[in-house]
Amino acid sequence: MPRLIRLLVSAGILGFIALQFGDGVVSQLQRIDPRWVLGGLLITVVQVILSAWRWQFTAARLQLTLAAGTAVREYYLATLVNQVLPGGMMGDAQRAWRHGRDAPRRAPAFQAVVIERFSGQLAMAGLALLAWWLWPPGDGLVRVGTVAGTALTGVAVLSGGTALAIASGWRPAWLRDWWQAVRSALLTPTVLPVQLLASLLVAGSYIAVYACCVMALAPSGSPGDWLPLIPLVLFTMLIPASIAGWGLREGAAALLWPMAGLPATEGISAAVLYGGLTLLASTPGLITLMRR
């Protein structure tokens, strides 16, 4: 999707929300409790360290060397770039390029980044699906049936297409190379549990940061009311149709919070605060940028 369209999507949704809820959001943000914001910032430090370790672990499975300090610095820089440029992937592409520029082959460096990011998105999607299933309780079976049916259909189509391709001898070298990388760095029985655990911890840290943003605004509902909504809101940020999730995140919160019987302004305000906090949390990436 062109960058201009992503910018227009973010600006358009945010503009609509500002017209509808602007005064209430401003009033809500004036009551921020800085202690919860500080707690959220501290969690982002753990989040980056865990993410960098996942990248280092993935790279090692592909026979690539990546120092822990370098992984943390590069992850901070990639996070900063993803925060300010459309699409949310430019920073990851850059860290993959920098990691692989001195290697005999650059492909494994890009494979490591793609696989570790996919592992994280898979965990967030799983948590969002769980939240969609469990909330609200009355609609759980209908929702999970719909989602499961769609997923099974997709898997069937992909499996059938793959089987047909293999049977007809269509196995280009790049496909074999990527499949081997996925097997080594993700699907191996001894590797998959580690990847999933690390990614679940990272996804949980995103949810915890968002929860801190909600608590910083003294919400009217209990955690049981709004906590299941957070994975659903965060899942919308995986859609590459905005800048750092701006607009999509706030729009999702505006829809979901009233469905839980909560004021829309509380959800939108928490989404705005989350966006600002994650941007602030990425600023250590400036240190890496200036060193270059």
Protein backbone atom coordinates (compact mmCIF):
# COMPACT_ATOMS: atom_id res chain seq x y z
CA MET A 1 0.00 0.00 0.00
CA PRO A 2 1.48 3.40 -0.97
CA ARG A 3 2.80 5.49 1.90
CA LEU A 4 0.48 8.39 1.07
CA ILE A 5 -2.56 6.12 1.41
CA ARG A 6 -1.35 4.89 4.82
CA LEU A 7 -0.89 8.50 5.91
CA LEU A 8 -4.37 9.39 4.70
CA VAL A 9 -5.87 6.37 6.50
CA SER A 10 -4.29 7.39 9.81
CA ALA A 11 -5.17 11.07 9.38
CA GLY A 12 -8.71 10.35 8.22
CA ILE A 13 -9.63 8.05 11.11
CA LEU A 14 -7.96 10.28 13.68
CA GLY A 15 -9.72 13.34 12.25
CA PHE A 16 -13.11 11.64 12.46
CA ILE A 17 -12.46 10.51 16.03
CA ALA A 18 -11.29 14.01 17.01
CA LEU A 19 -14.55 15.48 15.69
CA GLN A 20 -16.68 12.93 17.51
CA PHE A 21 -14.81 12.47 20.79
CA GLY A 22 -12.12 15.18 20.89
CA ASP A 23 -13.28 17.08 23.96
CA GLY A 24 -13.79 13.93 26.01
CA VAL A 25 -10.41 12.52 25.03
CA VAL A 26 -8.61 15.76 25.93
CA SER A 27 -10.38 15.82 29.30
CA GLN A 28 -9.47 12.18 29.91
CA LEU A 29 -5.80 12.70 29.03
CA GLN A 30 -5.55 15.55 31.49
CA ARG A 31 -5.98 13.03 34.33
CA ILE A 32 -2.96 10.88 33.49
CA ASP A 33 -1.30 9.20 36.46
CA PRO A 34 2.45 9.39 35.66
CA ARG A 35 3.24 6.39 37.87
CA TRP A 36 1.44 4.05 35.48
CA VAL A 37 3.14 5.69 32.50
CA LEU A 38 6.52 5.11 34.14
CA GLY A 39 5.56 1.49 34.76
CA GLY A 40 4.64 1.09 31.10
CA LEU A 41 7.98 2.56 30.00
CA LEU A 42 9.87 0.13 32.23
CA ILE A 43 7.96 -2.77 30.68
CA THR A 44 9.00 -1.60 27.20
CA VAL A 45 12.64 -2.03 28.21
CA VAL A 46 11.99 -5.68 29.06
CA GLN A 47 9.99 -5.96 25.85
CA VAL A 48 12.88 -4.81 23.66
CA ILE A 49 15.36 -7.06 25.47
CA LEU A 50 13.08 -10.08 24.99
CA SER A 51 12.50 -9.20 21.34
CA ALA A 52 16.22 -8.76 20.72
CA TRP A 53 16.90 -12.12 22.37
CA ARG A 54 14.29 -13.75 20.12
CA TRP A 55 16.04 -12.26 17.10
CA GLN A 56 19.43 -13.46 18.36
CA PHE A 57 18.02 -16.94 19.01
CA THR A 58 16.46 -17.09 15.52
CA ALA A 59 19.67 -15.90 13.86
CA ALA A 60 21.69 -18.54 15.70
CA ARG A 61 19.42 -21.26 14.28
CA LEU A 62 20.44 -20.00 10.83
CA GLN A 63 24.15 -20.08 11.69
CA LEU A 64 24.42 -16.30 12.08
CA THR A 65 26.33 -14.53 14.82
CA LEU A 66 24.55 -11.64 16.54
CA ALA A 67 25.86 -10.06 19.73
CA ALA A 68 23.28 -9.33 22.43
CA GLY A 69 24.22 -5.65 22.70
CA THR A 70 24.02 -5.19 18.95
CA ALA A 71 20.63 -6.90 18.84
CA VAL A 72 19.22 -4.57 21.51
CA ARG A 73 20.58 -1.42 19.86
CA GLU A 74 19.38 -2.43 16.41
CA TYR A 75 15.97 -3.39 17.75
CA TYR A 76 15.57 0.03 19.36
CA LEU A 77 16.52 1.72 16.10
CA ALA A 78 14.16 -0.48 14.08
CA THR A 79 11.34 0.29 16.53
CA LEU A 80 11.96 4.01 16.16
CA VAL A 81 11.94 3.81 12.36
CA ASN A 82 8.75 1.74 12.42
CA GLN A 83 7.13 4.38 14.62
CA VAL A 84 7.73 7.26 12.23
CA LEU A 85 7.50 5.64 8.78
CA PRO A 86 4.40 4.08 7.17
CA GLY A 87 3.98 0.33 7.03
CA GLY A 88 5.74 -0.68 10.24
CA MET A 89 8.38 -2.81 8.50
CA MET A 90 11.03 -0.41 7.20
CA GLY A 91 13.01 -0.55 10.45
CA ASP A 92 13.03 -4.35 10.36
CA ALA A 93 14.22 -4.37 6.76
CA GLN A 94 17.05 -2.02 7.69
CA ARG A 95 18.23 -4.09 10.65
CA ALA A 96 18.17 -7.19 8.46
CA TRP A 97 20.26 -5.41 5.82
CA ARG A 98 22.78 -4.14 8.38
CA HIS A 99 23.06 -7.57 9.97
CA GLY A 100 23.64 -9.28 6.64
CA ARG A 101 25.88 -6.78 4.89
CA ASP A 102 29.10 -8.39 6.18
CA ALA A 103 27.88 -11.98 5.82
CA PRO A 104 28.74 -14.21 2.84
CA ARG A 105 24.99 -14.44 2.10
CA ARG A 106 22.42 -11.81 3.02
CA ALA A 107 19.40 -14.06 2.70
CA PRO A 108 19.72 -15.70 6.17
CA ALA A 109 19.80 -12.26 7.84
CA PHE A 110 16.50 -11.32 6.20
CA GLN A 111 15.07 -14.76 6.96
CA ALA A 112 15.93 -14.38 10.64
CA VAL A 113 14.09 -11.06 10.88
CA VAL A 114 11.05 -12.27 8.95
CA ILE A 115 10.78 -15.47 10.99
CA GLU A 116 11.13 -13.81 14.38
CA ARG A 117 8.60 -11.11 13.43
CA PHE A 118 6.21 -13.78 12.14
CA SER A 119 6.61 -15.68 15.40
CA GLY A 120 5.60 -12.55 17.30
CA GLN A 121 2.62 -11.84 15.06
CA LEU A 122 1.49 -15.45 15.40
CA ALA A 123 1.49 -15.11 19.19
CA MET A 124 -0.45 -11.83 19.10
CA ALA A 125 -2.96 -13.30 16.65
CA GLY A 126 -3.41 -16.29 18.97
CA LEU A 127 -4.06 -14.04 21.97
CA ALA A 128 -6.47 -11.92 19.93
CA LEU A 129 -8.32 -15.06 18.82
CA LEU A 130 -8.53 -16.22 22.44
CA ALA A 131 -9.91 -12.84 23.50
CA TRP A 132 -12.40 -12.89 20.62
CA TRP A 133 -13.52 -16.33 21.72
CA LEU A 134 -13.90 -15.55 25.40
CA TRP A 135 -15.48 -12.09 25.09
CA PRO A 136 -18.39 -11.67 25.32
CA PRO A 137 -19.13 -15.13 26.76
CA GLY A 138 -22.50 -15.48 25.03
CA ASP A 139 -21.08 -15.18 21.53
CA GLY A 140 -17.95 -17.23 22.07
CA LEU A 141 -18.97 -20.42 20.27
CA VAL A 142 -20.35 -18.58 17.27
CA ARG A 143 -17.24 -16.44 16.93
CA VAL A 144 -14.72 -19.22 17.34
CA GLY A 145 -16.68 -21.36 14.87
CA THR A 146 -16.56 -18.62 12.27
CA VAL A 147 -12.88 -17.92 12.80
CA ALA A 148 -11.96 -21.60 12.92
CA GLY A 149 -13.93 -22.31 9.75
CA THR A 150 -12.20 -19.48 7.93
CA ALA A 151 -8.79 -20.59 9.19
CA LEU A 152 -9.38 -24.21 8.21
CA THR A 153 -10.50 -23.13 4.75
CA GLY A 154 -7.35 -21.06 4.35
CA VAL A 155 -5.16 -23.91 5.55
CA ALA A 156 -6.88 -26.31 3.19
CA VAL A 157 -6.36 -24.00 0.21
CA LEU A 158 -2.72 -23.40 1.06
CA SER A 159 -2.05 -27.08 1.72
CA GLY A 160 -3.73 -28.10 -1.51
CA GLY A 161 -1.80 -25.52 -3.49
CA THR A 162 1.48 -26.57 -1.88
CA ALA A 163 0.82 -30.25 -2.52
CA LEU A 164 -0.06 -29.54 -6.14
CA ALA A 165 3.07 -27.46 -6.60
CA ILE A 166 5.29 -30.16 -5.12
CA ALA A 167 3.58 -32.90 -7.09
CA SER A 168 4.10 -30.97 -10.32
CA GLY A 169 7.76 -30.43 -9.52
CA TRP A 170 7.48 -26.66 -8.90
CA ARG A 171 10.10 -26.18 -6.18
CA PRO A 172 12.28 -23.17 -7.02
CA ALA A 173 15.54 -22.77 -5.16
CA TRP A 174 14.44 -19.67 -3.23
CA LEU A 175 11.34 -21.50 -1.94
CA ARG A 176 13.42 -24.46 -0.77
CA ASP A 177 15.85 -22.07 0.89
CA TRP A 178 13.10 -20.25 2.79
CA TRP A 179 11.36 -23.48 3.75
CA GLN A 180 14.60 -24.84 5.18
CA ALA A 181 15.09 -21.61 7.13
CA VAL A 182 11.56 -21.79 8.57
CA ARG A 183 12.07 -25.41 9.56
CA SER A 184 15.42 -24.70 11.23
CA ALA A 185 14.46 -21.46 13.02
CA LEU A 186 10.81 -22.07 13.86
CA LEU A 187 9.31 -25.49 13.20
CA THR A 188 11.98 -27.80 14.64
CA PRO A 189 10.46 -29.56 17.71
CA THR A 190 13.18 -28.27 20.01
CA VAL A 191 12.91 -24.71 18.64
CA LEU A 192 9.17 -24.14 18.27
CA PRO A 193 8.36 -24.15 22.03
CA VAL A 194 11.14 -21.63 22.68
CA GLN A 195 9.94 -19.38 19.86
CA LEU A 196 6.33 -19.52 20.99
CA LEU A 197 7.19 -18.91 24.65
CA ALA A 198 9.40 -15.93 23.80
CA SER A 199 6.76 -14.52 21.47
CA LEU A 200 3.98 -15.00 24.01
CA LEU A 201 6.07 -13.14 26.59
CA VAL A 202 6.68 -10.31 24.12
CA ALA A 203 2.99 -10.17 23.18
CA GLY A 204 2.11 -10.20 26.87
CA SER A 205 4.41 -7.24 27.41
CA TYR A 206 2.53 -5.27 24.75
CA ILE A 207 -0.72 -6.05 26.54
CA ALA A 208 0.81 -5.05 29.87
CA VAL A 209 1.98 -1.70 28.48
CA TYR A 210 -1.48 -1.03 27.12
CA ALA A 211 -3.01 -2.02 30.46
CA CYS A 212 -0.76 0.54 32.16
CA CYS A 213 -2.10 3.18 29.78
CA VAL A 214 -5.67 2.26 30.69
CA MET A 215 -4.91 2.32 34.42
CA ALA A 216 -3.15 5.68 34.06
CA LEU A 217 -6.51 7.18 33.07
CA ALA A 218 -8.49 5.85 36.07
CA PRO A 219 -10.95 3.73 34.06
CA SER A 220 -14.55 3.36 35.18
CA GLY A 221 -14.66 -0.39 34.56
CA SER A 222 -12.77 -3.23 36.19
CA PRO A 223 -9.80 -4.96 34.49
CA GLY A 224 -12.09 -7.87 33.69
CA ASP A 225 -14.18 -5.54 31.56
CA TRP A 226 -11.46 -4.01 29.38
CA LEU A 227 -8.48 -6.39 29.57
CA PRO A 228 -9.89 -8.84 26.97
CA LEU A 229 -10.27 -5.91 24.56
CA ILE A 230 -6.57 -5.06 24.49
CA PRO A 231 -5.35 -7.99 22.31
CA LEU A 232 -8.09 -7.18 19.81
CA VAL A 233 -7.03 -3.53 19.61
CA LEU A 234 -3.36 -4.46 19.32
CA PHE A 235 -4.15 -6.99 16.61
CA THR A 236 -5.47 -4.20 14.37
CA MET A 237 -2.02 -2.62 14.51
CA LEU A 238 -0.64 -5.58 12.55
CA ILE A 239 -2.61 -4.39 9.52
CA PRO A 240 -0.11 -2.47 7.34
CA ALA A 241 -2.57 0.31 6.49
CA SER A 242 -1.45 3.16 8.73
CA ILE A 243 1.56 4.74 10.42
CA ALA A 244 2.52 2.82 13.59
CA GLY A 245 -1.11 1.77 14.02
CA TRP A 246 -2.37 5.34 14.47
CA GLY A 247 -6.01 5.59 13.53
CA LEU A 248 -6.67 1.85 13.32
CA ARG A 249 -5.86 1.45 17.01
CA GLU A 250 -8.06 4.36 18.08
CA GLY A 251 -10.86 3.30 15.75
CA ALA A 252 -10.85 -0.24 17.14
CA ALA A 253 -10.94 1.10 20.70
CA ALA A 254 -13.84 3.41 19.81
CA LEU A 255 -15.81 0.39 18.59
CA LEU A 256 -14.86 -2.17 21.24
CA TRP A 257 -15.12 -0.18 24.46
CA PRO A 258 -18.86 0.60 24.06
CA MET A 259 -19.48 -3.08 23.22
CA ALA A 260 -18.20 -3.82 26.74
CA GLY A 261 -20.45 -1.16 28.23
CA LEU A 262 -17.55 1.24 28.73
CA PRO A 263 -17.19 4.86 27.54
CA ALA A 264 -15.64 5.13 24.10
CA THR A 265 -13.53 8.06 25.26
CA GLU A 266 -11.72 5.85 27.78
CA GLY A 267 -10.71 3.37 25.10
CA ILE A 268 -9.67 6.08 22.64
CA SER A 269 -7.70 7.97 25.30
CA ALA A 270 -5.82 4.82 26.30
CA ALA A 271 -5.05 4.15 22.62
CA VAL A 272 -3.69 7.67 22.15
CA LEU A 273 -1.62 7.40 25.33
CA TYR A 274 -0.29 4.02 24.19
CA GLY A 275 0.78 5.50 20.87
CA GLY A 276 2.60 8.35 22.59
CA LEU A 277 4.22 6.05 25.14
CA THR A 278 5.53 3.61 22.53
CA LEU A 279 6.95 6.48 20.51
CA LEU A 280 8.70 7.79 23.61
CA ALA A 281 9.95 4.28 24.43
CA SER A 282 11.59 4.02 21.00
CA THR A 283 13.72 7.16 21.43
CA PRO A 284 16.82 5.22 22.62
CA GLY A 285 17.03 4.26 18.96
CA LEU A 286 18.30 7.81 18.37
CA ILE A 287 21.49 6.84 20.18
CA THR A 288 22.14 4.06 17.69
CA LEU A 289 21.29 6.42 14.83
CA MET A 290 23.68 9.10 16.02
CA ARG A 291 26.47 6.56 16.52
CA ARG A 292 26.13 5.77 12.82
